[in-house]
Amino acid sequence: MNEIKIKKVRKRDGSVEDFDVKKIKNAIRKACSFLGFFDESFVNDIANNVVFKLNQKFFEAIPSVEEIQDVVEEVLFEKNERVAKAYSLYRNSRRLAREIKEFLMLKDDLKFNATALKVLEERYLLKDEKGKIIETPRQMFARVAREIAKVEARYGKSKKEVKEIEKKFFDMLINLEFLPNSPTLMNAGTPLGQLSACFVLPIEDSLESIFTTLNNMAKIQQSGGGTGFSFSKIRPKGDIVKSTKGIASGPVSFMKIYDMATEVIKQGGKRRGANMGILDVWHPDIEEFIKVKSDQKTLSNFNISVAVDDKFMKAVLKDKDYWLINPRNKKKVKKIRARELFDKICYYAWLTGDPGLIFIDEINRKHTI
């Protein structure tokens, strides 16, 4: 190794630090590994030549990081053009990451990578009316900590105690020891102020109820919340509609409308909309429900689950029949073999990941209300 006469290097922020040839070697190794090429003697040879040229060019000056990288690239092109091109790509990728951070007005003190910064830009950082970002990640965490800590004042905490809680929560956030849900990051300290992630909305067996809930779903998803529904009260497909003497289309058809609305909302919102749809196992449309996602396209904005009761599970274990019931009039509609239906639920869960199971009686036993 040539004698290293250069002692200092000027960083991009203008500060000066000790020159370290190990950093040059590491950059060369990364370029080589990109090509699946590992040769330590090659790395040492390139580093030696780089030091030689740096000694000549910057004998009485402090080189910048960019100037050193230029020399590395120059030497690599003399020795191995493929590695030189890989190094150039590596260098450009680092430059792009820096430009993204600069574009976002973000300092690197929180150590977020370019991907994380891009997500923050698109979803979480506050913007003005023209869409320009007006806060950094650190400022976002300060906003969240401040607004959450304010709540403590309602429970008898003094201003000093609130400030201490704010500082403690802020430290947890910037150290990434804890992160709240997306709506909190998006909305804390804003006029919207919607911090909840999940909402369960009721649906009754009427068009008015169905579309009132759809309207509420749209507003919640626009603010970053997710929504869940039980469609079990909606009369089954083919049932009579007394007011029009028509035929009902069933709960699955309305789920598709909800799904379509979510698709439209997510295109203009901050993040993808999400729904949970549940149907009780006794509903006459249960077989249509459990296989609705089998084409991998329908209800793409839904996860679905079947609410199974104790009676059904006992029928499965004993291989007994089970009645499907019309929710409109509570009349028995069809007798099915419970184990056969359970097998279908398992099959489609294996095929598509849906439906899940909700053990509704067990939930009600454990519920605190």
Protein backbone atom coordinates (compact mmCIF):
# COMPACT_ATOMS: atom_id res chain seq x y z
CA MET A 1 0.00 0.00 0.00
CA ASN A 2 1.31 3.43 -0.96
CA GLU A 3 1.98 5.84 1.86
CA ILE A 4 -1.19 7.78 2.61
CA LYS A 5 -0.26 11.45 2.57
CA ILE A 6 -3.84 12.69 2.62
CA LYS A 7 -5.00 13.01 6.20
CA LYS A 8 -8.38 14.70 5.89
CA VAL A 9 -11.48 14.64 3.68
CA ARG A 10 -14.22 17.24 3.31
CA LYS A 11 -17.76 15.83 3.67
CA ARG A 12 -20.80 17.03 1.71
CA ASP A 13 -22.02 19.15 4.60
CA GLY A 14 -18.71 21.03 4.69
CA SER A 15 -17.31 19.36 7.79
CA VAL A 16 -13.87 17.72 7.78
CA GLU A 17 -13.04 14.24 9.04
CA ASP A 18 -10.06 11.87 8.95
CA PHE A 19 -9.35 10.14 5.64
CA ASP A 20 -10.07 6.39 5.88
CA VAL A 21 -9.01 4.12 3.03
CA LYS A 22 -11.30 1.38 4.42
CA LYS A 23 -14.31 3.35 3.15
CA ILE A 24 -12.86 3.28 -0.37
CA LYS A 25 -12.33 -0.47 -0.12
CA ASN A 26 -15.88 -1.03 1.11
CA ALA A 27 -17.31 0.92 -1.83
CA ILE A 28 -15.21 -1.12 -4.28
CA ARG A 29 -16.35 -4.36 -2.61
CA LYS A 30 -20.00 -3.35 -3.02
CA ALA A 31 -19.46 -2.69 -6.72
CA CYS A 32 -17.76 -6.08 -7.09
CA SER A 33 -20.48 -7.92 -5.14
CA PHE A 34 -23.09 -6.41 -7.47
CA LEU A 35 -21.42 -8.48 -10.22
CA GLY A 36 -20.90 -11.55 -8.04
CA PHE A 37 -17.16 -10.86 -8.19
CA PHE A 38 -15.07 -11.27 -5.03
CA ASP A 39 -11.31 -10.69 -5.15
CA GLU A 40 -9.66 -8.98 -2.21
CA SER A 41 -6.37 -8.59 -4.06
CA PHE A 42 -8.24 -6.64 -6.76
CA VAL A 43 -9.82 -4.42 -4.08
CA ASN A 44 -6.42 -3.74 -2.49
CA ASP A 45 -4.83 -3.01 -5.87
CA ILE A 46 -7.54 -0.48 -6.79
CA ALA A 47 -7.34 1.17 -3.36
CA ASN A 48 -3.54 1.40 -3.68
CA ASN A 49 -3.82 3.10 -7.08
CA VAL A 50 -6.48 5.47 -5.76
CA VAL A 51 -4.24 6.51 -2.87
CA PHE A 52 -1.35 7.07 -5.31
CA LYS A 53 -3.45 9.39 -7.50
CA LEU A 54 -4.91 11.21 -4.53
CA ASN A 55 -1.41 11.86 -3.19
CA GLN A 56 -0.51 13.44 -6.52
CA LYS A 57 -3.66 15.50 -7.01
CA PHE A 58 -4.27 16.70 -3.46
CA PHE A 59 -0.81 16.96 -1.96
CA GLU A 60 -1.52 20.35 -0.40
CA ALA A 61 -5.33 20.33 -0.36
CA ILE A 62 -8.19 18.54 1.35
CA PRO A 63 -10.19 16.54 -1.22
CA SER A 64 -13.98 16.36 -1.07
CA VAL A 65 -15.92 13.10 -0.95
CA GLU A 66 -17.03 13.64 -4.55
CA GLU A 67 -13.45 14.24 -5.72
CA ILE A 68 -12.28 11.02 -4.08
CA GLN A 69 -15.14 9.10 -5.69
CA ASP A 70 -14.19 10.58 -9.07
CA VAL A 71 -10.67 9.20 -8.65
CA VAL A 72 -12.01 5.77 -7.62
CA GLU A 73 -14.19 5.70 -10.74
CA GLU A 74 -11.27 6.80 -12.92
CA VAL A 75 -8.98 4.04 -11.60
CA LEU A 76 -11.70 1.40 -11.95
CA PHE A 77 -12.28 2.29 -15.60
CA GLU A 78 -8.55 1.82 -16.19
CA LYS A 79 -8.54 -1.60 -14.51
CA ASN A 80 -11.97 -3.20 -15.03
CA GLU A 81 -14.75 -1.49 -16.97
CA ARG A 82 -17.53 -3.79 -15.72
CA VAL A 83 -16.71 -3.08 -12.08
CA ALA A 84 -16.38 0.62 -12.91
CA LYS A 85 -19.91 0.67 -14.33
CA ALA A 86 -21.22 -1.17 -11.27
CA TYR A 87 -19.50 1.38 -9.04
CA SER A 88 -21.03 4.20 -11.06
CA LEU A 89 -24.50 2.67 -10.60
CA TYR A 90 -23.89 2.29 -6.87
CA ARG A 91 -22.73 5.90 -6.67
CA ASN A 92 -25.76 7.15 -8.61
CA SER A 93 -28.15 5.21 -6.36
CA ARG A 94 -26.63 6.88 -3.31
CA ARG A 95 -26.89 10.25 -5.01
CA LEU A 96 -30.57 9.59 -5.80
CA ALA A 97 -31.27 8.74 -2.17
CA ARG A 98 -29.64 12.00 -1.09
CA GLU A 99 -31.65 13.96 -3.65
CA ILE A 100 -34.89 12.42 -2.41
CA LYS A 101 -34.04 13.45 1.12
CA GLU A 102 -33.15 16.94 -0.03
CA PHE A 103 -36.36 17.15 -2.04
CA LEU A 104 -38.33 16.20 1.04
CA MET A 105 -36.49 18.77 3.16
CA LEU A 106 -35.47 15.92 5.45
CA LYS A 107 -32.39 15.79 7.61
CA ASP A 108 -30.77 12.41 8.09
CA ASP A 109 -30.73 12.60 11.88
CA LEU A 110 -33.51 10.00 12.16
CA LYS A 111 -31.69 7.57 9.84
CA PHE A 112 -34.64 6.78 7.55
CA ASN A 113 -33.74 5.17 4.24
CA ALA A 114 -35.02 6.47 0.90
CA THR A 115 -37.96 4.03 0.79
CA ALA A 116 -39.16 5.04 4.26
CA LEU A 117 -38.85 8.71 3.34
CA LYS A 118 -40.90 8.17 0.20
CA VAL A 119 -43.68 6.52 2.23
CA LEU A 120 -43.58 9.40 4.70
CA GLU A 121 -43.82 11.87 1.82
CA GLU A 122 -46.80 10.15 0.22
CA ARG A 123 -48.82 9.35 3.34
CA TYR A 124 -47.86 10.99 6.58
CA LEU A 125 -46.06 14.33 6.35
CA LEU A 126 -48.30 17.39 6.35
CA LYS A 127 -48.63 19.33 3.10
CA ASP A 128 -49.91 22.78 2.23
CA GLU A 129 -52.77 23.47 -0.20
CA LYS A 130 -50.39 23.11 -3.16
CA GLY A 131 -49.19 19.70 -2.00
CA LYS A 132 -45.80 20.95 -0.79
CA ILE A 133 -44.41 19.18 2.28
CA ILE A 134 -44.30 21.49 5.29
CA GLU A 135 -42.79 19.26 7.98
CA THR A 136 -39.92 16.82 8.51
CA PRO A 137 -40.26 13.37 10.16
CA ARG A 138 -38.93 14.86 13.41
CA GLN A 139 -41.57 17.58 13.25
CA MET A 140 -44.23 14.96 12.50
CA PHE A 141 -43.27 13.03 15.64
CA ALA A 142 -43.25 16.27 17.66
CA ARG A 143 -46.75 17.06 16.38
CA VAL A 144 -48.04 13.62 17.34
CA ALA A 145 -46.39 13.61 20.78
CA ARG A 146 -47.70 17.09 21.56
CA GLU A 147 -51.31 16.31 20.60
CA ILE A 148 -51.43 12.95 22.38
CA ALA A 149 -49.89 14.36 25.56
CA LYS A 150 -52.49 17.15 25.68
CA VAL A 151 -55.14 14.58 26.58
CA GLU A 152 -53.47 14.03 29.97
CA ALA A 153 -54.57 17.53 31.04
CA ARG A 154 -58.16 16.26 31.06
CA TYR A 155 -57.20 13.76 33.77
CA GLY A 156 -55.64 16.16 36.24
CA LYS A 157 -52.07 16.37 34.97
CA SER A 158 -50.29 19.70 35.40
CA LYS A 159 -48.70 21.58 32.50
CA LYS A 160 -45.29 20.41 33.68
CA GLU A 161 -46.42 16.77 33.79
CA VAL A 162 -47.97 17.07 30.32
CA LYS A 163 -44.67 18.42 28.98
CA GLU A 164 -42.78 15.52 30.59
CA ILE A 165 -45.18 13.01 29.02
CA GLU A 166 -44.82 14.74 25.65
CA LYS A 167 -41.01 14.52 25.87
CA LYS A 168 -41.11 10.84 26.89
CA PHE A 169 -43.47 9.93 24.05
CA PHE A 170 -41.45 11.98 21.55
CA ASP A 171 -38.26 10.14 22.53
CA MET A 172 -40.01 6.80 22.01
CA LEU A 173 -41.13 7.89 18.55
CA ILE A 174 -37.82 9.24 17.26
CA ASN A 175 -36.02 6.13 18.54
CA LEU A 176 -38.66 4.00 16.77
CA GLU A 177 -39.38 2.16 20.02
CA PHE A 178 -43.08 2.67 19.35
CA LEU A 179 -45.12 3.89 16.40
CA PRO A 180 -48.85 4.66 16.55
CA ASN A 181 -51.32 3.70 13.85
CA SER A 182 -51.47 5.49 10.51
CA PRO A 183 -54.43 7.80 11.26
CA THR A 184 -52.60 9.12 14.32
CA LEU A 185 -49.48 9.93 12.29
CA MET A 186 -51.61 11.49 9.55
CA ASN A 187 -54.20 13.40 11.55
CA ALA A 188 -52.91 14.27 15.04
CA GLY A 189 -52.79 18.05 15.38
CA THR A 190 -54.85 18.66 12.24
CA PRO A 191 -58.42 20.01 12.00
CA LEU A 192 -59.63 16.49 11.11
CA GLY A 193 -58.19 14.97 14.28
CA GLN A 194 -59.34 11.43 13.45
CA LEU A 195 -56.96 9.04 15.25
CA SER A 196 -58.83 5.72 15.17
CA ALA A 197 -57.80 2.99 12.73
CA CYS A 198 -60.81 0.67 12.81
CA PHE A 199 -64.57 1.26 12.78
CA VAL A 200 -67.39 -1.30 12.95
CA LEU A 201 -70.48 0.00 11.16
CA PRO A 202 -74.00 -1.49 11.41
CA ILE A 203 -76.00 -2.51 8.34
CA GLU A 204 -79.74 -3.16 8.52
CA ASP A 205 -81.93 -4.83 5.90
CA SER A 206 -82.92 -1.71 3.95
CA LEU A 207 -81.50 0.34 1.10
CA GLU A 208 -81.50 3.40 3.33
CA SER A 209 -79.33 1.68 5.94
CA ILE A 210 -77.05 0.05 3.37
CA PHE A 211 -76.27 3.31 1.60
CA THR A 212 -76.11 5.41 4.76
CA THR A 213 -73.43 3.04 5.99
CA LEU A 214 -71.71 3.23 2.60
CA ASN A 215 -71.59 7.02 2.96
CA ASN A 216 -70.12 6.70 6.47
CA MET A 217 -67.58 4.18 5.18
CA ALA A 218 -66.43 6.62 2.51
CA LYS A 219 -65.88 9.40 5.04
CA ILE A 220 -63.97 7.13 7.40
CA GLN A 221 -61.73 5.72 4.69
CA GLN A 222 -61.05 9.20 3.35
CA SER A 223 -59.63 10.05 6.78
CA GLY A 224 -57.40 6.96 6.83
CA GLY A 225 -59.58 4.60 8.88
CA GLY A 226 -60.53 1.01 8.09
CA THR A 227 -64.08 -0.34 8.26
CA GLY A 228 -65.79 -3.57 9.22
CA PHE A 229 -69.34 -4.79 8.64
CA SER A 230 -71.64 -7.70 9.26
CA PHE A 231 -73.86 -8.24 6.23
CA SER A 232 -75.88 -10.91 8.03
CA LYS A 233 -79.09 -8.88 8.41
CA ILE A 234 -79.49 -8.38 4.67
CA ARG A 235 -82.10 -10.73 3.19
CA PRO A 236 -80.78 -13.50 0.93
CA LYS A 237 -80.61 -13.51 -2.85
CA GLY A 238 -83.98 -14.35 -4.43
CA ASP A 239 -86.02 -13.26 -1.40
CA ILE A 240 -89.04 -11.04 -1.92
CA VAL A 241 -88.87 -7.24 -1.67
CA LYS A 242 -92.37 -6.24 -0.57
CA SER A 243 -92.16 -2.54 -1.43
CA THR A 244 -91.38 -3.20 -5.10
CA LYS A 245 -92.54 -6.81 -5.47
CA GLY A 246 -89.05 -7.42 -6.79
CA ILE A 247 -86.34 -9.94 -5.96
CA ALA A 248 -83.49 -9.25 -3.53
CA SER A 249 -79.92 -9.43 -4.85
CA GLY A 250 -78.41 -10.59 -1.55
CA PRO A 251 -75.56 -9.37 0.68
CA VAL A 252 -72.71 -10.32 -1.67
CA SER A 253 -74.01 -7.93 -4.34
CA PHE A 254 -73.90 -5.04 -1.88
CA MET A 255 -70.43 -6.05 -0.74
CA LYS A 256 -69.31 -5.56 -4.34
CA ILE A 257 -70.70 -2.01 -4.29
CA TYR A 258 -68.79 -1.30 -1.07
CA ASP A 259 -65.65 -2.76 -2.64
CA MET A 260 -66.02 -0.59 -5.74
CA ALA A 261 -66.46 2.53 -3.59
CA THR A 262 -63.32 1.67 -1.64
CA GLU A 263 -61.42 1.26 -4.90
CA VAL A 264 -62.37 4.79 -5.96
CA ILE A 265 -61.60 6.32 -2.55
CA LYS A 266 -58.15 4.74 -2.27
CA GLN A 267 -57.05 6.26 -5.58
CA GLY A 268 -57.31 9.75 -4.12
CA GLY A 269 -56.63 8.98 -0.48
CA LYS A 270 -53.45 8.71 1.52
CA ARG A 271 -53.44 4.93 1.75
CA ARG A 272 -55.24 1.88 0.48
CA GLY A 273 -58.74 1.41 1.88
CA ALA A 274 -59.44 -1.73 3.90
CA ASN A 275 -62.66 -3.56 4.79
CA MET A 276 -63.66 -6.56 6.84
CA GLY A 277 -66.90 -8.28 5.82
CA ILE A 278 -68.62 -10.88 8.00
CA LEU A 279 -71.55 -13.18 7.29
CA ASP A 280 -73.13 -15.49 9.86
CA VAL A 281 -72.81 -19.16 9.03
CA TRP A 282 -76.60 -19.63 9.14
CA HIS A 283 -77.24 -17.10 6.32
CA PRO A 284 -78.74 -18.71 3.17
CA ASP A 285 -76.09 -17.02 0.96
CA ILE A 286 -73.18 -18.42 2.97
CA GLU A 287 -71.91 -20.68 0.16
CA GLU A 288 -71.78 -17.78 -2.30
CA PHE A 289 -70.01 -15.73 0.35
CA ILE A 290 -67.23 -18.18 1.19
CA LYS A 291 -66.16 -18.63 -2.44
CA VAL A 292 -66.62 -15.04 -3.65
CA LYS A 293 -62.86 -14.32 -3.66
CA SER A 294 -61.85 -17.51 -5.45
CA ASP A 295 -61.18 -15.65 -8.74
CA GLN A 296 -58.52 -13.54 -6.94
CA LYS A 297 -60.20 -10.37 -8.28
CA THR A 298 -63.60 -9.93 -6.63
CA LEU A 299 -63.69 -8.01 -3.34
CA SER A 300 -59.98 -7.16 -3.57
CA ASN A 301 -60.48 -4.47 -0.92
CA PHE A 302 -62.07 -6.89 1.55
CA ASN A 303 -60.99 -9.56 3.95
CA ILE A 304 -63.94 -11.77 4.79
CA SER A 305 -64.81 -14.04 7.70
CA VAL A 306 -67.61 -16.45 8.56
CA ALA A 307 -69.17 -15.98 12.01
CA VAL A 308 -69.65 -19.52 13.33
CA ASP A 309 -71.69 -20.26 16.46
CA ASP A 310 -71.43 -23.11 18.97
CA LYS A 311 -74.40 -24.89 17.43
CA PHE A 312 -72.70 -25.06 14.04
CA MET A 313 -69.36 -26.25 15.44
CA LYS A 314 -71.07 -28.98 17.45
CA ALA A 315 -72.89 -30.06 14.29
CA VAL A 316 -69.52 -30.22 12.50
CA LEU A 317 -67.99 -32.38 15.24
CA LYS A 318 -70.99 -34.73 15.30
CA ASP A 319 -71.45 -34.65 11.50
CA LYS A 320 -75.02 -33.37 11.87
CA ASP A 321 -77.24 -31.21 9.68
CA TYR A 322 -77.58 -27.46 10.22
CA TRP A 323 -80.37 -25.08 9.21
CA LEU A 324 -79.83 -21.93 7.14
CA ILE A 325 -82.21 -19.17 8.22
CA ASN A 326 -83.67 -16.15 6.43
CA PRO A 327 -82.72 -13.10 8.56
CA ARG A 328 -85.81 -11.20 7.36
CA ASN A 329 -88.43 -13.53 8.85
CA LYS A 330 -86.28 -15.99 10.86
CA LYS A 331 -87.73 -18.92 8.89
CA LYS A 332 -85.69 -22.01 8.10
CA VAL A 333 -84.71 -22.06 4.43
CA LYS A 334 -82.41 -24.98 3.80
CA LYS A 335 -80.87 -27.87 5.70
CA ILE A 336 -77.20 -28.52 5.00
CA ARG A 337 -74.57 -30.95 6.24
CA ALA A 338 -72.47 -28.86 8.65
CA ARG A 339 -69.23 -30.76 8.05
CA GLU A 340 -69.54 -30.36 4.28
CA LEU A 341 -69.93 -26.58 4.64
CA PHE A 342 -67.01 -26.45 7.06
CA ASP A 343 -64.85 -28.34 4.56
CA LYS A 344 -65.73 -25.75 1.91
CA ILE A 345 -64.77 -22.93 4.26
CA CYS A 346 -61.42 -24.62 4.87
CA TYR A 347 -60.86 -25.23 1.16
CA TYR A 348 -61.43 -21.63 0.10
CA ALA A 349 -59.37 -20.37 3.04
CA TRP A 350 -56.53 -22.58 1.76
CA LEU A 351 -57.09 -21.46 -1.84
CA THR A 352 -57.31 -17.69 -1.33
CA GLY A 353 -56.57 -16.88 2.31
CA ASP A 354 -60.26 -16.06 2.86
CA PRO A 355 -62.60 -16.59 4.62
CA GLY A 356 -61.40 -16.50 8.19
CA LEU A 357 -63.47 -17.72 11.13
CA ILE A 358 -65.10 -15.61 13.84
CA PHE A 359 -66.21 -17.67 16.84
CA ILE A 360 -69.08 -15.35 17.62
CA ASP A 361 -70.46 -17.07 20.73
CA GLU A 362 -67.02 -17.19 22.32
CA ILE A 363 -66.53 -13.49 21.56
CA ASN A 364 -69.85 -12.67 23.20
CA ARG A 365 -68.96 -14.73 26.27
CA LYS A 366 -65.69 -12.85 26.72
CA HIS A 367 -67.03 -9.40 25.82
CA THR A 368 -66.98 -6.94 28.70
CA ILE A 369 -70.33 -5.33 27.83
